[in-house]
Amino acid sequence: MKFLRTFTILSIVFVLNSCNSDDEKKLPSISIESIQIEEGNTTNYLEVMLALTNSVDYDLSVDVRTVDGTAIKGKDYTDLYEVIIFYAGQEQASFNIEILGDDIPEDNEIFSIRLENPLNV
């Protein structure tokens, strides 16, 4: 019997701050859309897309980490801590989270993605 449960990743918007007050360009923000995936009985990979509101002419980076909610790292998904780099002119970047399948019937579960430590902004 196949048990399906849905994981939801909460939307997070992160505004980057600039140290250059002379810059006329609009400062970018990074967003993640809310995502749902059915776990199933086997391991799946969830691709998460980060999007900048506008491109910049320099590289910037942000740390990405998973945070437990009702879904627990090591039991429901593989913990993630990764540095994502947006190269000059790039408006999207992606990464994968491993979703761990099992045969245990459970309610829908949630975990979050936290964006931290913006660099070069």
PDB file of N, CA and C in Angstrom:
ATOM      1  N   MET A   1       0.846  -1.176   0.000  1.00  0.00           N
ATOM      2  CA  MET A   1       0.000   0.000   0.000  1.00  0.00           C
ATOM      3  C   MET A   1       0.892   1.240   0.000  1.00  0.00           C
ATOM      4  N   LYS A   2       0.556   2.165  -0.841  1.00  0.00           N
ATOM      5  CA  LYS A   2       1.352   3.390  -0.949  1.00  0.00           C
ATOM      6  C   LYS A   2       0.722   4.486  -0.098  1.00  0.00           C
ATOM      7  N   PHE A   3       1.511   5.046   0.806  1.00  0.00           N
ATOM      8  CA  PHE A   3       1.044   6.146   1.647  1.00  0.00           C
ATOM      9  C   PHE A   3       1.620   7.435   1.094  1.00  0.00           C
ATOM     10  N   LEU A   4       0.760   8.388   0.843  1.00  0.00           N
ATOM     11  CA  LEU A   4       1.216   9.673   0.337  1.00  0.00           C
ATOM     12  C   LEU A   4       1.003  10.725   1.403  1.00  0.00           C
ATOM     13  N   ARG A   5       1.989  11.556   1.539  1.00  0.00           N
ATOM     14  CA  ARG A   5       1.819  12.704   2.414  1.00  0.00           C
ATOM     15  C   ARG A   5       2.488  13.869   1.718  1.00  0.00           C
ATOM     16  N   THR A   6       1.999  15.007   1.972  1.00  0.00           N
ATOM     17  CA  THR A   6       2.481  16.193   1.288  1.00  0.00           C
ATOM     18  C   THR A   6       3.373  16.998   2.210  1.00  0.00           C
ATOM     19  N   PHE A   7       4.519  17.422   1.673  1.00  0.00           N
ATOM     20  CA  PHE A   7       5.390  18.354   2.375  1.00  0.00           C
ATOM     21  C   PHE A   7       5.144  19.728   1.781  1.00  0.00           C
ATOM     22  N   THR A   8       5.091  20.714   2.608  1.00  0.00           N
ATOM     23  CA  THR A   8       4.944  22.084   2.146  1.00  0.00           C
ATOM     24  C   THR A   8       6.134  22.879   2.634  1.00  0.00           C
ATOM     25  N   ILE A   9       6.746  23.611   1.715  1.00  0.00           N
ATOM     26  CA  ILE A   9       7.822  24.522   2.088  1.00  0.00           C
ATOM     27  C   ILE A   9       7.224  25.914   2.112  1.00  0.00           C
ATOM     28  N   LEU A  10       7.366  26.570   3.215  1.00  0.00           N
ATOM     29  CA  LEU A  10       6.779  27.889   3.383  1.00  0.00           C
ATOM     30  C   LEU A  10       7.512  28.921   2.544  1.00  0.00           C
ATOM     31  N   SER A  11       6.753  29.852   2.006  1.00  0.00           N
ATOM     32  CA  SER A  11       7.361  30.931   1.229  1.00  0.00           C
ATOM     33  C   SER A  11       8.166  31.842   2.135  1.00  0.00           C
ATOM     34  N   ILE A  12       9.314  32.229   1.651  1.00  0.00           N
ATOM     35  CA  ILE A  12      10.184  33.126   2.400  1.00  0.00           C
ATOM     36  C   ILE A  12      10.659  34.203   1.432  1.00  0.00           C
ATOM     37  N   VAL A  13      10.593  35.433   1.839  1.00  0.00           N
ATOM     38  CA  VAL A  13      11.135  36.519   1.030  1.00  0.00           C
ATOM     39  C   VAL A  13      12.238  37.173   1.834  1.00  0.00           C
ATOM     40  N   PHE A  14      13.353  37.401   1.201  1.00  0.00           N
ATOM     41  CA  PHE A  14      14.534  37.918   1.872  1.00  0.00           C
ATOM     42  C   PHE A  14      14.984  39.156   1.115  1.00  0.00           C
ATOM     43  N   VAL A  15      15.046  40.281   1.760  1.00  0.00           N
ATOM     44  CA  VAL A  15      15.464  41.517   1.113  1.00  0.00           C
ATOM     45  C   VAL A  15      16.937  41.749   1.405  1.00  0.00           C
ATOM     46  N   LEU A  16      17.694  41.963   0.346  1.00  0.00           N
ATOM     47  CA  LEU A  16      19.120  42.213   0.484  1.00  0.00           C
ATOM     48  C   LEU A  16      19.356  43.703   0.670  1.00  0.00           C
ATOM     49  N   ASN A  17      20.273  44.048   1.534  1.00  0.00           N
ATOM     50  CA  ASN A  17      20.588  45.444   1.806  1.00  0.00           C
ATOM     51  C   ASN A  17      21.887  45.822   1.126  1.00  0.00           C
ATOM     52  N   SER A  18      21.946  46.997   0.603  1.00  0.00           N
ATOM     53  CA  SER A  18      23.147  47.475  -0.060  1.00  0.00           C
ATOM     54  C   SER A  18      23.835  48.515   0.808  1.00  0.00           C
ATOM     55  N   CYS A  19      25.165  48.493   0.776  1.00  0.00           N
ATOM     56  CA  CYS A  19      25.942  49.488   1.521  1.00  0.00           C
ATOM     57  C   CYS A  19      26.192  50.733   0.685  1.00  0.00           C
ATOM     58  N   ASN A  20      25.865  50.712  -0.577  1.00  0.00           N
ATOM     59  CA  ASN A  20      26.154  51.805  -1.479  1.00  0.00           C
ATOM     60  C   ASN A  20      24.905  52.664  -1.654  1.00  0.00           C
ATOM     61  N   SER A  21      24.835  53.796  -0.973  1.00  0.00           N
ATOM     62  CA  SER A  21      23.655  54.651  -1.044  1.00  0.00           C
ATOM     63  C   SER A  21      23.585  55.436  -2.347  1.00  0.00           C
ATOM     64  N   ASP A  22      24.681  55.469  -3.133  1.00  0.00           N
ATOM     65  CA  ASP A  22      24.689  56.184  -4.404  1.00  0.00           C
ATOM     66  C   ASP A  22      24.029  55.380  -5.518  1.00  0.00           C
ATOM     67  N   ASP A  23      23.792  54.114  -5.281  1.00  0.00           N
ATOM     68  CA  ASP A  23      23.271  53.235  -6.322  1.00  0.00           C
ATOM     69  C   ASP A  23      21.820  53.586  -6.623  1.00  0.00           C
ATOM     70  N   GLU A  24      21.534  53.911  -7.896  1.00  0.00           N
ATOM     71  CA  GLU A  24      20.195  54.274  -8.324  1.00  0.00           C
ATOM     72  C   GLU A  24      19.334  53.045  -8.598  1.00  0.00           C
ATOM     73  N   LYS A  25      19.961  51.877  -8.766  1.00  0.00           N
ATOM     74  CA  LYS A  25      19.217  50.670  -9.089  1.00  0.00           C
ATOM     75  C   LYS A  25      18.373  50.223  -7.898  1.00  0.00           C
ATOM     76  N   LYS A  26      17.267  49.590  -8.222  1.00  0.00           N
ATOM     77  CA  LYS A  26      16.423  49.007  -7.181  1.00  0.00           C
ATOM     78  C   LYS A  26      17.149  47.806  -6.588  1.00  0.00           C
ATOM     79  N   LEU A  27      17.175  47.722  -5.259  1.00  0.00           N
ATOM     80  CA  LEU A  27      17.827  46.606  -4.587  1.00  0.00           C
ATOM     81  C   LEU A  27      17.052  45.322  -4.841  1.00  0.00           C
ATOM     82  N   PRO A  28      17.757  44.223  -5.080  1.00  0.00           N
ATOM     83  CA  PRO A  28      17.064  42.962  -5.337  1.00  0.00           C
ATOM     84  C   PRO A  28      16.551  42.332  -4.051  1.00  0.00           C
ATOM     85  N   SER A  29      15.542  41.523  -4.191  1.00  0.00           N
ATOM     86  CA  SER A  29      15.111  40.641  -3.109  1.00  0.00           C
ATOM     87  C   SER A  29      15.080  39.225  -3.670  1.00  0.00           C
ATOM     88  N   ILE A  30      15.227  38.241  -2.787  1.00  0.00           N
ATOM     89  CA  ILE A  30      15.214  36.840  -3.187  1.00  0.00           C
ATOM     90  C   ILE A  30      13.915  36.237  -2.687  1.00  0.00           C
ATOM     91  N   SER A  31      13.257  35.464  -3.534  1.00  0.00           N
ATOM     92  CA  SER A  31      12.011  34.826  -3.112  1.00  0.00           C
ATOM     93  C   SER A  31      12.030  33.334  -3.423  1.00  0.00           C
ATOM     94  N   ILE A  32      11.235  32.603  -2.649  1.00  0.00           N
ATOM     95  CA  ILE A  32      10.988  31.182  -2.859  1.00  0.00           C
ATOM     96  C   ILE A  32       9.481  31.019  -2.842  1.00  0.00           C
ATOM     97  N   GLU A  33       8.934  30.359  -3.843  1.00  0.00           N
ATOM     98  CA  GLU A  33       7.502  30.103  -3.829  1.00  0.00           C
ATOM     99  C   GLU A  33       7.204  28.899  -2.950  1.00  0.00           C
ATOM    100  N   SER A  34       6.020  28.879  -2.379  1.00  0.00           N
ATOM    101  CA  SER A  34       5.581  27.739  -1.584  1.00  0.00           C
ATOM    102  C   SER A  34       5.506  26.517  -2.495  1.00  0.00           C
ATOM    103  N   ILE A  35       6.026  25.389  -2.023  1.00  0.00           N
ATOM    104  CA  ILE A  35       6.119  24.176  -2.831  1.00  0.00           C
ATOM    105  C   ILE A  35       5.490  23.025  -2.061  1.00  0.00           C
ATOM    106  N   GLN A  36       4.820  22.134  -2.774  1.00  0.00           N
ATOM    107  CA  GLN A  36       4.300  20.916  -2.160  1.00  0.00           C
ATOM    108  C   GLN A  36       4.789  19.720  -2.959  1.00  0.00           C
ATOM    109  N   ILE A  37       5.097  18.626  -2.255  1.00  0.00           N
ATOM    110  CA  ILE A  37       5.526  17.389  -2.903  1.00  0.00           C
ATOM    111  C   ILE A  37       4.937  16.221  -2.127  1.00  0.00           C
ATOM    112  N   GLU A  38       4.551  15.179  -2.844  1.00  0.00           N
ATOM    113  CA  GLU A  38       4.088  13.969  -2.184  1.00  0.00           C
ATOM    114  C   GLU A  38       5.290  13.094  -1.892  1.00  0.00           C
ATOM    115  N   GLU A  39       5.389  12.639  -0.654  1.00  0.00           N
ATOM    116  CA  GLU A  39       6.554  11.859  -0.231  1.00  0.00           C
ATOM    117  C   GLU A  39       6.590  10.495  -0.892  1.00  0.00           C
ATOM    118  N   GLY A  40       5.551   9.727  -0.768  1.00  0.00           N
ATOM    119  CA  GLY A  40       5.534   8.375  -1.307  1.00  0.00           C
ATOM    120  C   GLY A  40       6.412   7.432  -0.506  1.00  0.00           C
ATOM    121  N   ASN A  41       6.693   6.271  -1.092  1.00  0.00           N
ATOM    122  CA  ASN A  41       7.453   5.231  -0.404  1.00  0.00           C
ATOM    123  C   ASN A  41       8.925   5.218  -0.771  1.00  0.00           C
ATOM    124  N   THR A  42       9.331   6.042  -1.715  1.00  0.00           N
ATOM    125  CA  THR A  42      10.728   6.070  -2.148  1.00  0.00           C
ATOM    126  C   THR A  42      11.287   7.477  -2.018  1.00  0.00           C
ATOM    127  N   THR A  43      12.593   7.572  -2.067  1.00  0.00           N
ATOM    128  CA  THR A  43      13.264   8.864  -1.976  1.00  0.00           C
ATOM    129  C   THR A  43      12.974   9.691  -3.223  1.00  0.00           C
ATOM    130  N   ASN A  44      12.656  10.954  -3.025  1.00  0.00           N
ATOM    131  CA  ASN A  44      12.427  11.913  -4.107  1.00  0.00           C
ATOM    132  C   ASN A  44      13.331  13.112  -3.889  1.00  0.00           C
ATOM    133  N   TYR A  45      13.526  13.880  -4.945  1.00  0.00           N
ATOM    134  CA  TYR A  45      14.303  15.111  -4.840  1.00  0.00           C
ATOM    135  C   TYR A  45      13.414  16.275  -5.220  1.00  0.00           C
ATOM    136  N   LEU A  46      13.377  17.250  -4.355  1.00  0.00           N
ATOM    137  CA  LEU A  46      12.584  18.448  -4.559  1.00  0.00           C
ATOM    138  C   LEU A  46      13.505  19.555  -5.051  1.00  0.00           C
ATOM    139  N   GLU A  47      13.249  20.064  -6.261  1.00  0.00           N
ATOM    140  CA  GLU A  47      14.037  21.184  -6.767  1.00  0.00           C
ATOM    141  C   GLU A  47      13.397  22.483  -6.293  1.00  0.00           C
ATOM    142  N   VAL A  48      14.198  23.310  -5.654  1.00  0.00           N
ATOM    143  CA  VAL A  48      13.734  24.591  -5.135  1.00  0.00           C
ATOM    144  C   VAL A  48      14.398  25.698  -5.946  1.00  0.00           C
ATOM    145  N   MET A  49      13.589  26.607  -6.452  1.00  0.00           N
ATOM    146  CA  MET A  49      14.088  27.701  -7.270  1.00  0.00           C
ATOM    147  C   MET A  49      14.072  28.998  -6.463  1.00  0.00           C
ATOM    148  N   LEU A  50      15.218  29.670  -6.423  1.00  0.00           N
ATOM    149  CA  LEU A  50      15.320  31.006  -5.840  1.00  0.00           C
ATOM    150  C   LEU A  50      15.269  31.998  -6.990  1.00  0.00           C
ATOM    151  N   ALA A  51      14.588  33.105  -6.806  1.00  0.00           N
ATOM    152  CA  ALA A  51      14.487  34.116  -7.853  1.00  0.00           C
ATOM    153  C   ALA A  51      14.823  35.491  -7.293  1.00  0.00           C
ATOM    154  N   LEU A  52      15.644  36.227  -8.038  1.00  0.00           N
ATOM    155  CA  LEU A  52      15.930  37.627  -7.714  1.00  0.00           C
ATOM    156  C   LEU A  52      14.889  38.499  -8.396  1.00  0.00           C
ATOM    157  N   THR A  53      14.487  39.574  -7.750  1.00  0.00           N
ATOM    158  CA  THR A  53      13.528  40.483  -8.372  1.00  0.00           C
ATOM    159  C   THR A  53      14.147  41.237  -9.540  1.00  0.00           C
ATOM    160  N   ASN A  54      15.443  41.460  -9.493  1.00  0.00           N
ATOM    161  CA  ASN A  54      16.151  42.073 -10.617  1.00  0.00           C
ATOM    162  C   ASN A  54      17.618  41.654 -10.550  1.00  0.00           C
ATOM    163  N   SER A  55      18.241  41.595 -11.708  1.00  0.00           N
ATOM    164  CA  SER A  55      19.645  41.179 -11.748  1.00  0.00           C
ATOM    165  C   SER A  55      20.547  42.337 -11.316  1.00  0.00           C
ATOM    166  N   VAL A  56      21.748  41.971 -10.898  1.00  0.00           N
ATOM    167  CA  VAL A  56      22.750  42.963 -10.518  1.00  0.00           C
ATOM    168  C   VAL A  56      24.021  42.677 -11.306  1.00  0.00           C
ATOM    169  N   ASP A  57      24.910  43.656 -11.369  1.00  0.00           N
ATOM    170  CA  ASP A  57      26.124  43.498 -12.178  1.00  0.00           C
ATOM    171  C   ASP A  57      27.319  43.016 -11.355  1.00  0.00           C
ATOM    172  N   TYR A  58      27.056  42.285 -10.290  1.00  0.00           N
ATOM    173  CA  TYR A  58      28.098  41.701  -9.454  1.00  0.00           C
ATOM    174  C   TYR A  58      27.561  40.382  -8.890  1.00  0.00           C
ATOM    175  N   ASP A  59      28.465  39.531  -8.422  1.00  0.00           N
ATOM    176  CA  ASP A  59      28.065  38.263  -7.809  1.00  0.00           C
ATOM    177  C   ASP A  59      27.568  38.510  -6.390  1.00  0.00           C
ATOM    178  N   LEU A  60      26.575  37.745  -5.980  1.00  0.00           N
ATOM    179  CA  LEU A  60      26.142  37.768  -4.587  1.00  0.00           C
ATOM    180  C   LEU A  60      25.817  36.344  -4.170  1.00  0.00           C
ATOM    181  N   SER A  61      25.832  36.109  -2.871  1.00  0.00           N
ATOM    182  CA  SER A  61      25.532  34.763  -2.373  1.00  0.00           C
ATOM    183  C   SER A  61      24.662  34.849  -1.132  1.00  0.00           C
ATOM    184  N   VAL A  62      24.033  33.730  -0.839  1.00  0.00           N
ATOM    185  CA  VAL A  62      23.194  33.618   0.345  1.00  0.00           C
ATOM    186  C   VAL A  62      23.279  32.171   0.832  1.00  0.00           C
ATOM    187  N   ASP A  63      23.310  31.993   2.150  1.00  0.00           N
ATOM    188  CA  ASP A  63      23.295  30.653   2.734  1.00  0.00           C
ATOM    189  C   ASP A  63      21.853  30.164   2.797  1.00  0.00           C
ATOM    190  N   VAL A  64      21.665  28.892   2.464  1.00  0.00           N
ATOM    191  CA  VAL A  64      20.349  28.266   2.481  1.00  0.00           C
ATOM    192  C   VAL A  64      20.399  27.100   3.454  1.00  0.00           C
ATOM    193  N   ARG A  65      19.421  27.024   4.343  1.00  0.00           N
ATOM    194  CA  ARG A  65      19.363  25.886   5.266  1.00  0.00           C
ATOM    195  C   ARG A  65      17.915  25.470   5.481  1.00  0.00           C
ATOM    196  N   THR A  66      17.736  24.178   5.750  1.00  0.00           N
ATOM    197  CA  THR A  66      16.408  23.667   6.068  1.00  0.00           C
ATOM    198  C   THR A  66      16.175  23.779   7.567  1.00  0.00           C
ATOM    199  N   VAL A  67      14.919  23.967   7.937  1.00  0.00           N
ATOM    200  CA  VAL A  67      14.532  24.119   9.336  1.00  0.00           C
ATOM    201  C   VAL A  67      13.317  23.223   9.589  1.00  0.00           C
ATOM    202  N   ASP A  68      13.429  22.377  10.614  1.00  0.00           N
ATOM    203  CA  ASP A  68      12.324  21.481  10.957  1.00  0.00           C
ATOM    204  C   ASP A  68      11.052  22.247  11.278  1.00  0.00           C
ATOM    205  N   GLY A  69       9.962  21.659  10.876  1.00  0.00           N
ATOM    206  CA  GLY A  69       8.628  22.059  11.316  1.00  0.00           C
ATOM    207  C   GLY A  69       8.031  20.779  11.874  1.00  0.00           C
ATOM    208  N   THR A  70       6.922  20.343  11.284  1.00  0.00           N
ATOM    209  CA  THR A  70       6.401  19.029  11.655  1.00  0.00           C
ATOM    210  C   THR A  70       7.176  17.921  10.947  1.00  0.00           C
ATOM    211  N   ALA A  71       7.836  18.231   9.830  1.00  0.00           N
ATOM    212  CA  ALA A  71       8.757  17.294   9.168  1.00  0.00           C
ATOM    213  C   ALA A  71      10.115  17.396   9.867  1.00  0.00           C
ATOM    214  N   ILE A  72      10.756  16.256  10.090  1.00  0.00           N
ATOM    215  CA  ILE A  72      11.994  16.192  10.866  1.00  0.00           C
ATOM    216  C   ILE A  72      13.156  15.756   9.979  1.00  0.00           C
ATOM    217  N   LYS A  73      14.270  16.523  10.045  1.00  0.00           N
ATOM    218  CA  LYS A  73      15.459  16.165   9.263  1.00  0.00           C
ATOM    219  C   LYS A  73      15.967  14.790   9.686  1.00  0.00           C
ATOM    220  N   GLY A  74      16.438  14.022   8.716  1.00  0.00           N
ATOM    221  CA  GLY A  74      16.931  12.682   8.979  1.00  0.00           C
ATOM    222  C   GLY A  74      15.841  11.625   8.989  1.00  0.00           C
ATOM    223  N   LYS A  75      14.607  12.047   9.211  1.00  0.00           N
ATOM    224  CA  LYS A  75      13.465  11.124   9.213  1.00  0.00           C
ATOM    225  C   LYS A  75      12.586  11.355   7.987  1.00  0.00           C
ATOM    226  N   ASP A  76      12.330  12.614   7.675  1.00  0.00           N
ATOM    227  CA  ASP A  76      11.440  12.969   6.571  1.00  0.00           C
ATOM    228  C   ASP A  76      12.176  13.584   5.380  1.00  0.00           C
ATOM    229  N   TYR A  77      13.300  14.220   5.632  1.00  0.00           N
ATOM    230  CA  TYR A  77      14.097  14.840   4.573  1.00  0.00           C
ATOM    231  C   TYR A  77      15.546  14.897   5.040  1.00  0.00           C
ATOM    232  N   THR A  78      16.454  15.100   4.096  1.00  0.00           N
ATOM    233  CA  THR A  78      17.873  15.226   4.429  1.00  0.00           C
ATOM    234  C   THR A  78      18.185  16.690   4.696  1.00  0.00           C
ATOM    235  N   ASP A  79      18.800  16.964   5.838  1.00  0.00           N
ATOM    236  CA  ASP A  79      19.165  18.323   6.226  1.00  0.00           C
ATOM    237  C   ASP A  79      20.028  18.966   5.145  1.00  0.00           C
ATOM    238  N   LEU A  80      19.831  20.237   4.918  1.00  0.00           N
ATOM    239  CA  LEU A  80      20.580  20.945   3.882  1.00  0.00           C
ATOM    240  C   LEU A  80      21.158  22.233   4.445  1.00  0.00           C
ATOM    241  N   TYR A  81      22.422  22.462   4.168  1.00  0.00           N
ATOM    242  CA  TYR A  81      23.063  23.762   4.394  1.00  0.00           C
ATOM    243  C   TYR A  81      23.959  23.974   3.189  1.00  0.00           C
ATOM    244  N   GLU A  82      23.667  24.994   2.404  1.00  0.00           N
ATOM    245  CA  GLU A  82      24.375  25.208   1.147  1.00  0.00           C
ATOM    246  C   GLU A  82      24.500  26.699   0.880  1.00  0.00           C
ATOM    247  N   VAL A  83      25.583  27.077   0.224  1.00  0.00           N
ATOM    248  CA  VAL A  83      25.765  28.460  -0.212  1.00  0.00           C
ATOM    249  C   VAL A  83      25.330  28.538  -1.672  1.00  0.00           C
ATOM    250  N   ILE A  84      24.392  29.424  -1.959  1.00  0.00           N
ATOM    251  CA  ILE A  84      23.899  29.620  -3.317  1.00  0.00           C
ATOM    252  C   ILE A  84      24.497  30.916  -3.850  1.00  0.00           C
ATOM    253  N   ILE A  85      25.069  30.845  -5.042  1.00  0.00           N
ATOM    254  CA  ILE A  85      25.694  32.018  -5.662  1.00  0.00           C
ATOM    255  C   ILE A  85      24.858  32.465  -6.855  1.00  0.00           C
ATOM    256  N   PHE A  86      24.549  33.735  -6.882  1.00  0.00           N
ATOM    257  CA  PHE A  86      23.956  34.379  -8.053  1.00  0.00           C
ATOM    258  C   PHE A  86      25.092  35.127  -8.737  1.00  0.00           C
ATOM    259  N   TYR A  87      25.461  34.703  -9.922  1.00  0.00           N
ATOM    260  CA  TYR A  87      26.519  35.384 -10.661  1.00  0.00           C
ATOM    261  C   TYR A  87      25.950  36.637 -11.317  1.00  0.00           C
ATOM    262  N   ALA A  88      26.803  37.586 -11.631  1.00  0.00           N
ATOM    263  CA  ALA A  88      26.374  38.852 -12.233  1.00  0.00           C
ATOM    264  C   ALA A  88      25.412  38.584 -13.391  1.00  0.00           C
ATOM    265  N   GLY A  89      24.263  39.239 -13.364  1.00  0.00           N
ATOM    266  CA  GLY A  89      23.271  39.096 -14.417  1.00  0.00           C
ATOM    267  C   GLY A  89      22.306  37.931 -14.234  1.00  0.00           C
ATOM    268  N   GLN A  90      22.585  37.042 -13.325  1.00  0.00           N
ATOM    269  CA  GLN A  90      21.737  35.864 -13.098  1.00  0.00           C
ATOM    270  C   GLN A  90      20.548  36.236 -12.222  1.00  0.00           C
ATOM    271  N   GLU A  91      19.360  35.768 -12.582  1.00  0.00           N
ATOM    272  CA  GLU A  91      18.155  36.081 -11.812  1.00  0.00           C
ATOM    273  C   GLU A  91      17.537  34.875 -11.125  1.00  0.00           C
ATOM    274  N   GLN A  92      18.034  33.651 -11.412  1.00  0.00           N
ATOM    275  CA  GLN A  92      17.510  32.450 -10.773  1.00  0.00           C
ATOM    276  C   GLN A  92      18.641  31.507 -10.407  1.00  0.00           C
ATOM    277  N   ALA A  93      18.441  30.750  -9.349  1.00  0.00           N
ATOM    278  CA  ALA A  93      19.363  29.697  -8.933  1.00  0.00           C
ATOM    279  C   ALA A  93      18.517  28.619  -8.268  1.00  0.00           C
ATOM    280  N   SER A  94      18.999  27.375  -8.320  1.00  0.00           N
ATOM    281  CA  SER A  94      18.210  26.297  -7.726  1.00  0.00           C
ATOM    282  C   SER A  94      19.088  25.360  -6.908  1.00  0.00           C
ATOM    283  N   PHE A  95      18.442  24.571  -6.070  1.00  0.00           N
ATOM    284  CA  PHE A  95      19.104  23.539  -5.283  1.00  0.00           C
ATOM    285  C   PHE A  95      18.081  22.437  -5.029  1.00  0.00           C
ATOM    286  N   ASN A  96      18.558  21.267  -4.610  1.00  0.00           N
ATOM    287  CA  ASN A  96      17.681  20.120  -4.377  1.00  0.00           C
ATOM    288  C   ASN A  96      17.671  19.728  -2.910  1.00  0.00           C
ATOM    289  N   ILE A  97      16.510  19.284  -2.453  1.00  0.00           N
ATOM    290  CA  ILE A  97      16.351  18.739  -1.108  1.00  0.00           C
ATOM    291  C   ILE A  97      15.874  17.299  -1.262  1.00  0.00           C
ATOM    292  N   GLU A  98      16.549  16.383  -0.573  1.00  0.00           N
ATOM    293  CA  GLU A  98      16.179  14.975  -0.628  1.00  0.00           C
ATOM    294  C   GLU A  98      15.019  14.716   0.340  1.00  0.00           C
ATOM    295  N   ILE A  99      13.910  14.193  -0.201  1.00  0.00           N
ATOM    296  CA  ILE A  99      12.735  13.836   0.589  1.00  0.00           C
ATOM    297  C   ILE A  99      12.780  12.328   0.805  1.00  0.00           C
ATOM    298  N   LEU A 100      12.780  11.900   2.061  1.00  0.00           N
ATOM    299  CA  LEU A 100      12.936  10.487   2.410  1.00  0.00           C
ATOM    300  C   LEU A 100      11.574   9.801   2.488  1.00  0.00           C
ATOM    301  N   GLY A 101      11.359   8.814   1.636  1.00  0.00           N
ATOM    302  CA  GLY A 101      10.097   8.075   1.628  1.00  0.00           C
ATOM    303  C   GLY A 101      10.087   6.980   2.681  1.00  0.00           C
ATOM    304  N   ASP A 102       8.882   6.577   3.076  1.00  0.00           N
ATOM    305  CA  ASP A 102       8.719   5.448   3.989  1.00  0.00           C
ATOM    306  C   ASP A 102       7.315   4.877   3.821  1.00  0.00           C
ATOM    307  N   ASP A 103       7.029   3.780   4.521  1.00  0.00           N
ATOM    308  CA  ASP A 103       5.722   3.123   4.441  1.00  0.00           C
ATOM    309  C   ASP A 103       4.823   3.458   5.621  1.00  0.00           C
ATOM    310  N   ILE A 104       5.164   4.471   6.373  1.00  0.00           N
ATOM    311  CA  ILE A 104       4.409   4.833   7.574  1.00  0.00           C
ATOM    312  C   ILE A 104       3.356   5.884   7.212  1.00  0.00           C
ATOM    313  N   PRO A 105       2.075   5.602   7.481  1.00  0.00           N
ATOM    314  CA  PRO A 105       1.051   6.616   7.200  1.00  0.00           C
ATOM    315  C   PRO A 105       1.168   7.778   8.191  1.00  0.00           C
ATOM    316  N   GLU A 106       1.242   8.990   7.657  1.00  0.00           N
ATOM    317  CA  GLU A 106       1.390  10.187   8.490  1.00  0.00           C
ATOM    318  C   GLU A 106       0.556  11.312   7.897  1.00  0.00           C
ATOM    319  N   ASP A 107       0.293  12.310   8.708  1.00  0.00           N
ATOM    320  CA  ASP A 107      -0.380  13.511   8.222  1.00  0.00           C
ATOM    321  C   ASP A 107       0.591  14.319   7.369  1.00  0.00           C
ATOM    322  N   ASN A 108       0.057  15.321   6.661  1.00  0.00           N
ATOM    323  CA  ASN A 108       0.913  16.234   5.906  1.00  0.00           C
ATOM    324  C   ASN A 108       1.876  16.929   6.853  1.00  0.00           C
ATOM    325  N   GLU A 109       3.083  17.203   6.369  1.00  0.00           N
ATOM    326  CA  GLU A 109       4.119  17.801   7.207  1.00  0.00           C
ATOM    327  C   GLU A 109       4.727  19.018   6.526  1.00  0.00           C
ATOM    328  N   ILE A 110       5.346  19.859   7.333  1.00  0.00           N
ATOM    329  CA  ILE A 110       5.919  21.114   6.847  1.00  0.00           C
ATOM    330  C   ILE A 110       7.347  21.260   7.352  1.00  0.00           C
ATOM    331  N   PHE A 111       8.228  21.778   6.485  1.00  0.00           N
ATOM    332  CA  PHE A 111       9.526  22.285   6.926  1.00  0.00           C
ATOM    333  C   PHE A 111       9.768  23.585   6.184  1.00  0.00           C
ATOM    334  N   SER A 112      10.717  24.358   6.659  1.00  0.00           N
ATOM    335  CA  SER A 112      10.992  25.674   6.077  1.00  0.00           C
ATOM    336  C   SER A 112      12.397  25.730   5.513  1.00  0.00           C
ATOM    337  N   ILE A 113      12.612  26.725   4.689  1.00  0.00           N
ATOM    338  CA  ILE A 113      13.941  27.033   4.171  1.00  0.00           C
ATOM    339  C   ILE A 113      14.291  28.427   4.664  1.00  0.00           C
ATOM    340  N   ARG A 114      15.449  28.554   5.284  1.00  0.00           N
ATOM    341  CA  ARG A 114      15.899  29.844   5.809  1.00  0.00           C
ATOM    342  C   ARG A 114      17.046  30.356   4.938  1.00  0.00           C
ATOM    343  N   LEU A 115      16.978  31.621   4.564  1.00  0.00           N
ATOM    344  CA  LEU A 115      18.053  32.290   3.828  1.00  0.00           C
ATOM    345  C   LEU A 115      18.790  33.183   4.807  1.00  0.00           C
ATOM    346  N   GLU A 116      20.129  33.039   4.852  1.00  0.00           N
ATOM    347  CA  GLU A 116      20.934  33.769   5.833  1.00  0.00           C
ATOM    348  C   GLU A 116      22.213  34.306   5.189  1.00  0.00           C
ATOM    349  N   ASN A 117      22.855  35.209   5.863  1.00  0.00           N
ATOM    350  CA  ASN A 117      24.206  35.687   5.552  1.00  0.00           C
ATOM    351  C   ASN A 117      24.415  36.116   4.102  1.00  0.00           C
ATOM    352  N   PRO A 118      23.638  37.077   3.622  1.00  0.00           N
ATOM    353  CA  PRO A 118      23.879  37.555   2.260  1.00  0.00           C
ATOM    354  C   PRO A 118      25.284  38.144   2.159  1.00  0.00           C
ATOM    355  N   LEU A 119      25.948  37.900   1.053  1.00  0.00           N
ATOM    356  CA  LEU A 119      27.323  38.360   0.868  1.00  0.00           C
ATOM    357  C   LEU A 119      27.435  39.224  -0.384  1.00  0.00           C
ATOM    358  N   ASN A 120      28.191  40.292  -0.283  1.00  0.00           N
ATOM    359  CA  ASN A 120      28.478  41.199  -1.397  1.00  0.00           C
ATOM    360  C   ASN A 120      27.250  41.998  -1.810  1.00  0.00           C
ATOM    361  N   VAL A 121      26.476  42.390  -0.814  1.00  0.00           N
ATOM    362  CA  VAL A 121      25.309  43.233  -1.103  1.00  0.00           C
ATOM    363  C   VAL A 121      25.315  44.441  -0.189  1.00  0.00           C
TER     364      VAL A 121
END
